[in-house]
C-alpha atoms as a PDB file:
ATOM      1  CA  MET A   1     100.718  84.471  14.347  1.00  0.00           C
ATOM      2  CA  GLU A   2     100.225  83.114  10.842  1.00  0.00           C
ATOM      3  CA  ASN A   3      98.186  79.921  10.697  1.00  0.00           C
ATOM      4  CA  VAL A   4     100.183  76.940   9.458  1.00  0.00           C
ATOM      5  CA  LYS A   5      98.270  74.783   6.993  1.00  0.00           C
ATOM      6  CA  THR A   6      98.231  71.120   7.987  1.00  0.00           C
ATOM      7  CA  SER A   7      97.762  68.138   5.704  1.00  0.00           C
ATOM      8  CA  ARG A   8      94.537  66.136   5.756  1.00  0.00           C
ATOM      9  CA  ASN A   9      94.758  62.635   7.196  1.00  0.00           C
ATOM     10  CA  VAL A  10      93.597  60.030   4.668  1.00  0.00           C
ATOM     11  CA  ALA A  11      92.889  56.750   6.485  1.00  0.00           C
ATOM     12  CA  ILE A  12      92.357  53.645   4.354  1.00  0.00           C
ATOM     13  CA  LEU A  13      90.745  50.709   6.140  1.00  0.00           C
ATOM     14  CA  ILE A  14      92.209  47.298   5.297  1.00  0.00           C
ATOM     15  CA  TYR A  15      91.137  43.827   6.379  1.00  0.00           C
ATOM     16  CA  GLU A  16      91.527  40.168   5.449  1.00  0.00           C
ATOM     17  CA  ASN A  17      90.734  39.515   1.765  1.00  0.00           C
ATOM     18  CA  VAL A  18      90.479  43.185   0.855  1.00  0.00           C
ATOM     19  CA  GLU A  19      90.648  43.833  -2.907  1.00  0.00           C
ATOM     20  CA  ILE A  20      94.161  45.106  -3.688  1.00  0.00           C
ATOM     21  CA  LEU A  21      93.356  47.867  -6.170  1.00  0.00           C
ATOM     22  CA  ASP A  22      90.398  49.023  -4.060  1.00  0.00           C
ATOM     23  CA  PHE A  23      92.829  50.376  -1.488  1.00  0.00           C
ATOM     24  CA  THR A  24      96.100  50.791  -3.409  1.00  0.00           C
ATOM     25  CA  GLY A  25      94.385  52.763  -6.195  1.00  0.00           C
ATOM     26  CA  PRO A  26      93.075  55.498  -3.866  1.00  0.00           C
ATOM     27  CA  TYR A  27      96.336  55.317  -1.906  1.00  0.00           C
ATOM     28  CA  GLU A  28      98.295  56.154  -5.077  1.00  0.00           C
ATOM     29  CA  VAL A  29      95.874  58.918  -6.051  1.00  0.00           C
ATOM     30  CA  PHE A  30      96.168  60.725  -2.731  1.00  0.00           C
ATOM     31  CA  ILE A  31      99.944  60.248  -2.604  1.00  0.00           C
ATOM     32  CA  ALA A  32     100.337  61.573  -6.166  1.00  0.00           C
ATOM     33  CA  GLY A  33      97.978  64.461  -5.418  1.00  0.00           C
ATOM     34  CA  SER A  34      99.468  65.358  -2.051  1.00  0.00           C
ATOM     35  CA  ASN A  35     101.954  67.992  -3.254  1.00  0.00           C
ATOM     36  CA  ARG A  36     104.808  65.914  -1.821  1.00  0.00           C
ATOM     37  CA  GLY A  37     102.928  65.189   1.375  1.00  0.00           C
ATOM     38  CA  ARG A  38     101.941  68.768   2.114  1.00  0.00           C
ATOM     39  CA  ASP A  39      98.204  68.290   1.553  1.00  0.00           C
ATOM     40  CA  PHE A  40      97.503  64.628   2.326  1.00  0.00           C
ATOM     41  CA  ASN A  41      98.979  62.260   4.914  1.00  0.00           C
ATOM     42  CA  VAL A  42      97.965  58.804   3.672  1.00  0.00           C
ATOM     43  CA  PHE A  43      98.031  55.679   5.840  1.00  0.00           C
ATOM     44  CA  THR A  44      96.366  52.297   6.322  1.00  0.00           C
ATOM     45  CA  VAL A  45      94.439  51.215   9.392  1.00  0.00           C
ATOM     46  CA  ALA A  46      93.200  47.775  10.437  1.00  0.00           C
ATOM     47  CA  GLU A  47      91.334  46.342  13.382  1.00  0.00           C
ATOM     48  CA  LYS A  48      94.615  45.104  14.845  1.00  0.00           C
ATOM     49  CA  GLU A  49      98.200  46.141  14.280  1.00  0.00           C
ATOM     50  CA  GLN A  50      99.278  42.924  12.589  1.00  0.00           C
ATOM     51  CA  PRO A  51      99.771  41.835   8.954  1.00  0.00           C
ATOM     52  CA  ILE A  52      96.670  41.670   6.757  1.00  0.00           C
ATOM     53  CA  ILE A  53      96.449  39.147   3.930  1.00  0.00           C
ATOM     54  CA  ALA A  54      94.747  40.809   0.966  1.00  0.00           C
ATOM     55  CA  LEU A  55      93.337  38.961  -2.028  1.00  0.00           C
ATOM     56  CA  GLY A  56      96.061  37.100  -3.908  1.00  0.00           C
ATOM     57  CA  ASN A  57      97.942  36.433  -0.635  1.00  0.00           C
ATOM     58  CA  LEU A  58      99.497  39.895  -0.583  1.00  0.00           C
ATOM     59  CA  SER A  59     100.666  40.618   2.972  1.00  0.00           C
ATOM     60  CA  ILE A  60     100.204  44.203   4.171  1.00  0.00           C
ATOM     61  CA  ASN A  61     101.447  45.759   7.408  1.00  0.00           C
ATOM     62  CA  PRO A  62      98.893  48.382   8.485  1.00  0.00           C
ATOM     63  CA  ASN A  63     100.299  51.672   9.719  1.00  0.00           C
ATOM     64  CA  TYR A  64      97.844  51.800  12.615  1.00  0.00           C
ATOM     65  CA  SER A  65      95.153  49.859  14.408  1.00  0.00           C
ATOM     66  CA  ILE A  66      91.749  51.366  15.083  1.00  0.00           C
ATOM     67  CA  LYS A  67      92.929  51.940  18.664  1.00  0.00           C
ATOM     68  CA  ASN A  68      95.826  54.261  17.795  1.00  0.00           C
ATOM     69  CA  CYS A  69      94.811  55.642  14.405  1.00  0.00           C
ATOM     70  CA  PRO A  70      95.122  59.445  14.011  1.00  0.00           C
ATOM     71  CA  ARG A  71      91.796  61.197  13.476  1.00  0.00           C
ATOM     72  CA  PRO A  72      90.936  60.839   9.769  1.00  0.00           C
ATOM     73  CA  ASP A  73      89.832  63.797   7.692  1.00  0.00           C
ATOM     74  CA  ILE A  74      89.129  61.448   4.784  1.00  0.00           C
ATOM     75  CA  LEU A  75      88.170  57.825   5.408  1.00  0.00           C
ATOM     76  CA  ILE A  76      88.266  55.233   2.631  1.00  0.00           C
ATOM     77  CA  ILE A  77      86.476  51.890   2.935  1.00  0.00           C
ATOM     78  CA  PRO A  78      87.574  49.497   0.161  1.00  0.00           C
ATOM     79  CA  GLY A  79      85.809  46.338  -0.905  1.00  0.00           C
ATOM     80  CA  GLY A  80      86.774  42.755  -1.594  1.00  0.00           C
ATOM     81  CA  TRP A  81      85.522  39.329  -0.613  1.00  0.00           C
ATOM     82  CA  GLY A  82      86.399  40.082   2.978  1.00  0.00           C
ATOM     83  CA  SER A  83      83.789  42.843   3.121  1.00  0.00           C
ATOM     84  CA  ARG A  84      81.092  40.192   3.618  1.00  0.00           C
ATOM     85  CA  LYS A  85      82.763  39.226   6.885  1.00  0.00           C
ATOM     86  CA  GLU A  86      83.674  42.733   8.005  1.00  0.00           C
ATOM     87  CA  MET A  87      80.125  44.015   7.535  1.00  0.00           C
ATOM     88  CA  LYS A  88      79.259  41.702  10.444  1.00  0.00           C
ATOM     89  CA  ASN A  89      82.255  42.768  12.526  1.00  0.00           C
ATOM     90  CA  GLY A  90      80.784  44.794  15.374  1.00  0.00           C
ATOM     91  CA  THR A  91      84.178  46.175  16.396  1.00  0.00           C
ATOM     92  CA  ILE A  92      84.782  47.686  12.964  1.00  0.00           C
ATOM     93  CA  ILE A  93      81.211  48.983  12.611  1.00  0.00           C
ATOM     94  CA  ASN A  94      81.329  50.608  16.049  1.00  0.00           C
ATOM     95  CA  TRP A  95      84.640  52.245  15.172  1.00  0.00           C
ATOM     96  CA  LEU A  96      83.211  53.565  11.901  1.00  0.00           C
ATOM     97  CA  ASN A  97      80.147  54.917  13.696  1.00  0.00           C
ATOM     98  CA  THR A  98      82.425  56.792  16.061  1.00  0.00           C
ATOM     99  CA  VAL A  99      85.181  58.032  13.784  1.00  0.00           C
ATOM    100  CA  ALA A 100      83.056  58.927  10.731  1.00  0.00           C
ATOM    101  CA  THR A 101      81.018  61.391  12.772  1.00  0.00           C
ATOM    102  CA  ASP A 102      83.845  63.934  12.639  1.00  0.00           C
ATOM    103  CA  THR A 103      85.315  62.929   9.274  1.00  0.00           C
ATOM    104  CA  GLU A 104      85.169  65.423   6.401  1.00  0.00           C
ATOM    105  CA  ILE A 105      84.634  62.825   3.661  1.00  0.00           C
ATOM    106  CA  VAL A 106      83.896  59.092   3.728  1.00  0.00           C
ATOM    107  CA  LEU A 107      84.477  57.191   0.480  1.00  0.00           C
ATOM    108  CA  SER A 108      83.468  53.583  -0.126  1.00  0.00           C
ATOM    109  CA  VAL A 109      84.966  51.614  -2.994  1.00  0.00           C
ATOM    110  CA  CYS A 110      83.215  48.629  -4.574  1.00  0.00           C
ATOM    111  CA  THR A 111      81.749  46.332  -1.889  1.00  0.00           C
ATOM    112  CA  GLY A 112      83.060  48.619   0.816  1.00  0.00           C
ATOM    113  CA  ALA A 113      79.482  49.888   0.497  1.00  0.00           C
ATOM    114  CA  LEU A 114      78.331  46.704   2.265  1.00  0.00           C
ATOM    115  CA  ILE A 115      80.371  47.680   5.319  1.00  0.00           C
ATOM    116  CA  LEU A 116      79.272  51.311   5.235  1.00  0.00           C
ATOM    117  CA  ALA A 117      75.650  50.167   4.871  1.00  0.00           C
ATOM    118  CA  LYS A 118      75.872  48.672   8.355  1.00  0.00           C
ATOM    119  CA  THR A 119      76.695  52.030   9.963  1.00  0.00           C
ATOM    120  CA  ASN A 120      74.311  54.707  11.213  1.00  0.00           C
ATOM    121  CA  PHE A 121      74.883  57.103   8.319  1.00  0.00           C
ATOM    122  CA  ILE A 122      73.277  55.905   5.099  1.00  0.00           C
ATOM    123  CA  ASP A 123      69.564  56.583   5.627  1.00  0.00           C
ATOM    124  CA  GLY A 124      68.264  58.482   2.615  1.00  0.00           C
ATOM    125  CA  LEU A 125      71.565  58.438   0.724  1.00  0.00           C
ATOM    126  CA  LYS A 126      72.228  57.538  -2.912  1.00  0.00           C
ATOM    127  CA  LEU A 127      74.422  54.430  -3.091  1.00  0.00           C
ATOM    128  CA  THR A 128      76.374  52.498  -5.671  1.00  0.00           C
ATOM    129  CA  THR A 129      78.759  49.542  -5.673  1.00  0.00           C
ATOM    130  CA  ASN A 130      80.270  46.943  -7.958  1.00  0.00           C
ATOM    131  CA  ARG A 131      77.677  45.950 -10.563  1.00  0.00           C
ATOM    132  CA  LEU A 132      77.929  42.320  -9.407  1.00  0.00           C
ATOM    133  CA  ALA A 133      77.082  43.206  -5.804  1.00  0.00           C
ATOM    134  CA  PHE A 134      73.883  45.244  -6.181  1.00  0.00           C
ATOM    135  CA  ASN A 135      71.642  42.473  -4.915  1.00  0.00           C
ATOM    136  CA  GLU A 136      73.804  42.076  -1.813  1.00  0.00           C
ATOM    137  CA  LEU A 137      73.697  45.814  -1.169  1.00  0.00           C
ATOM    138  CA  ARG A 138      69.910  45.898  -1.585  1.00  0.00           C
ATOM    139  CA  GLU A 139      69.592  43.272   1.138  1.00  0.00           C
ATOM    140  CA  VAL A 140      71.498  45.305   3.733  1.00  0.00           C
ATOM    141  CA  ALA A 141      70.897  48.938   2.713  1.00  0.00           C
ATOM    142  CA  SER A 142      68.379  51.146   4.454  1.00  0.00           C
ATOM    143  CA  LYS A 143      64.965  51.137   2.789  1.00  0.00           C
ATOM    144  CA  SER A 144      65.236  54.925   2.522  1.00  0.00           C
ATOM    145  CA  SER A 145      68.425  54.635   0.458  1.00  0.00           C
ATOM    146  CA  GLU A 146      68.441  54.629  -3.334  1.00  0.00           C
ATOM    147  CA  LEU A 147      70.780  52.396  -5.323  1.00  0.00           C
ATOM    148  CA  LEU A 148      72.143  53.885  -8.545  1.00  0.00           C
ATOM    149  CA  GLU A 149      73.407  51.657 -11.327  1.00  0.00           C
ATOM    150  CA  GLY A 150      75.503  52.816 -14.271  1.00  0.00           C
ATOM    151  CA  VAL A 151      77.492  55.482 -12.397  1.00  0.00           C
ATOM    152  CA  ARG A 152      81.176  55.392 -11.451  1.00  0.00           C
ATOM    153  CA  TYR A 153      80.589  57.315  -8.238  1.00  0.00           C
ATOM    154  CA  VAL A 154      77.890  59.254  -6.435  1.00  0.00           C
ATOM    155  CA  ASP A 155      78.434  62.214  -4.096  1.00  0.00           C
ATOM    156  CA  ASN A 156      75.984  62.777  -1.245  1.00  0.00           C
ATOM    157  CA  GLY A 157      78.113  65.546   0.228  1.00  0.00           C
ATOM    158  CA  LYS A 158      80.055  63.888   3.021  1.00  0.00           C
ATOM    159  CA  PHE A 159      79.479  60.323   1.856  1.00  0.00           C
ATOM    160  CA  ILE A 160      80.703  59.225  -1.570  1.00  0.00           C
ATOM    161  CA  PHE A 161      80.095  55.757  -2.991  1.00  0.00           C
ATOM    162  CA  SER A 162      81.989  54.342  -5.962  1.00  0.00           C
ATOM    163  CA  ALA A 163      81.540  51.303  -8.172  1.00  0.00           C
ATOM    164  CA  GLY A 164      84.039  48.500  -8.728  1.00  0.00           C
ATOM    165  CA  VAL A 165      87.833  48.650  -8.374  1.00  0.00           C
ATOM    166  CA  SER A 166      89.142  51.386 -10.727  1.00  0.00           C
ATOM    167  CA  ALA A 167      86.075  53.537 -10.024  1.00  0.00           C
ATOM    168  CA  GLY A 168      87.648  54.123  -6.620  1.00  0.00           C
ATOM    169  CA  MET A 169      90.492  55.931  -8.374  1.00  0.00           C
ATOM    170  CA  ASP A 170      88.018  58.089 -10.304  1.00  0.00           C
ATOM    171  CA  ALA A 171      86.210  58.931  -7.072  1.00  0.00           C
ATOM    172  CA  SER A 172      89.484  59.705  -5.297  1.00  0.00           C
ATOM    173  CA  LEU A 173      90.445  62.137  -8.064  1.00  0.00           C
ATOM    174  CA  TYR A 174      86.995  63.673  -7.684  1.00  0.00           C
ATOM    175  CA  VAL A 175      87.622  64.145  -3.950  1.00  0.00           C
ATOM    176  CA  ILE A 176      90.877  65.946  -4.771  1.00  0.00           C
ATOM    177  CA  GLU A 177      88.984  68.138  -7.232  1.00  0.00           C
ATOM    178  CA  LYS A 178      86.324  68.826  -4.611  1.00  0.00           C
ATOM    179  CA  LEU A 179      88.881  69.837  -1.985  1.00  0.00           C
ATOM    180  CA  LEU A 180      91.745  71.360  -3.975  1.00  0.00           C
ATOM    181  CA  GLY A 181      90.317  72.169  -7.408  1.00  0.00           C
ATOM    182  CA  GLU A 182      90.178  70.677 -10.880  1.00  0.00           C
ATOM    183  CA  GLU A 183      93.724  71.693 -11.787  1.00  0.00           C
ATOM    184  CA  ARG A 184      95.189  69.639  -8.936  1.00  0.00           C
ATOM    185  CA  ALA A 185      93.054  66.620  -9.830  1.00  0.00           C
ATOM    186  CA  LEU A 186      94.027  66.776 -13.499  1.00  0.00           C
ATOM    187  CA  LYS A 187      97.692  67.165 -12.590  1.00  0.00           C
ATOM    188  CA  THR A 188      97.393  64.122 -10.323  1.00  0.00           C
ATOM    189  CA  ALA A 189      95.894  62.025 -13.129  1.00  0.00           C
ATOM    190  CA  THR A 190      98.702  63.186 -15.436  1.00  0.00           C
ATOM    191  CA  ILE A 191     101.378  62.203 -12.903  1.00  0.00           C
ATOM    192  CA  MET A 192      99.816  58.733 -12.740  1.00  0.00           C
ATOM    193  CA  GLU A 193      99.334  58.564 -16.533  1.00  0.00           C
ATOM    194  CA  TYR A 194      95.742  57.657 -15.724  1.00  0.00           C
ATOM    195  CA  GLU A 195      92.720  58.519 -17.847  1.00  0.00           C
ATOM    196  CA  TRP A 196      90.273  59.979 -15.347  1.00  0.00           C
ATOM    197  CA  ASN A 197      86.675  58.956 -16.028  1.00  0.00           C
ATOM    198  CA  LYS A 198      85.636  62.388 -14.804  1.00  0.00           C
ATOM    199  CA  ASN A 199      82.073  62.931 -15.911  1.00  0.00           C
ATOM    200  CA  HIS A 200      80.525  59.562 -15.120  1.00  0.00           C
ATOM    201  CA  LYS A 201      79.071  60.597 -11.766  1.00  0.00           C
ATOM    202  CA  ASP A 202      76.030  61.850  -9.892  1.00  0.00           C
ATOM    203  CA  ILE A 203      76.096  64.664  -7.330  1.00  0.00           C
ATOM    204  CA  PHE A 204      73.311  65.427  -4.877  1.00  0.00           C
END
């Protein structure tokens, strides 16, 4: 029997006071690059299945809670002022420690790095975040990690860290390139009429 190709699940974590473009930017990239849903199934997930108030009082209804979320193939952790609270949220950190073990790619955007820094995965990794949050990341990152300034995103293999806001879109396009090839990523950027900052990265 011929194997049927299934789409990759792209789970985007949202929480109170999440930065809007940090999660909607990657959401748009993976939707635009999904080949009409054939390659990526994109959804939001929150701690509880109730409305989330993002920055600017934007109300978002998450598709799933962490209790009923489908297994992610790609997990995106956006930033925002609320990341300072969520990095201390044991329920979220425990969920990330569990679910990210079997995830193909984990991408942090902006101060989402503060949340990811509290998990079990970042020892020895190269990290980046919003330029205004480097001191905060230094305080919580593993001593074996290395913080990189002046890059839009950094690829450690499974774990990818991106700088502030729009850098999450650049990193998301890079993930599409990594998984489906440069042509698909460039086509996605064209669909969005977005100028992909393609070469401003580090890969390890």
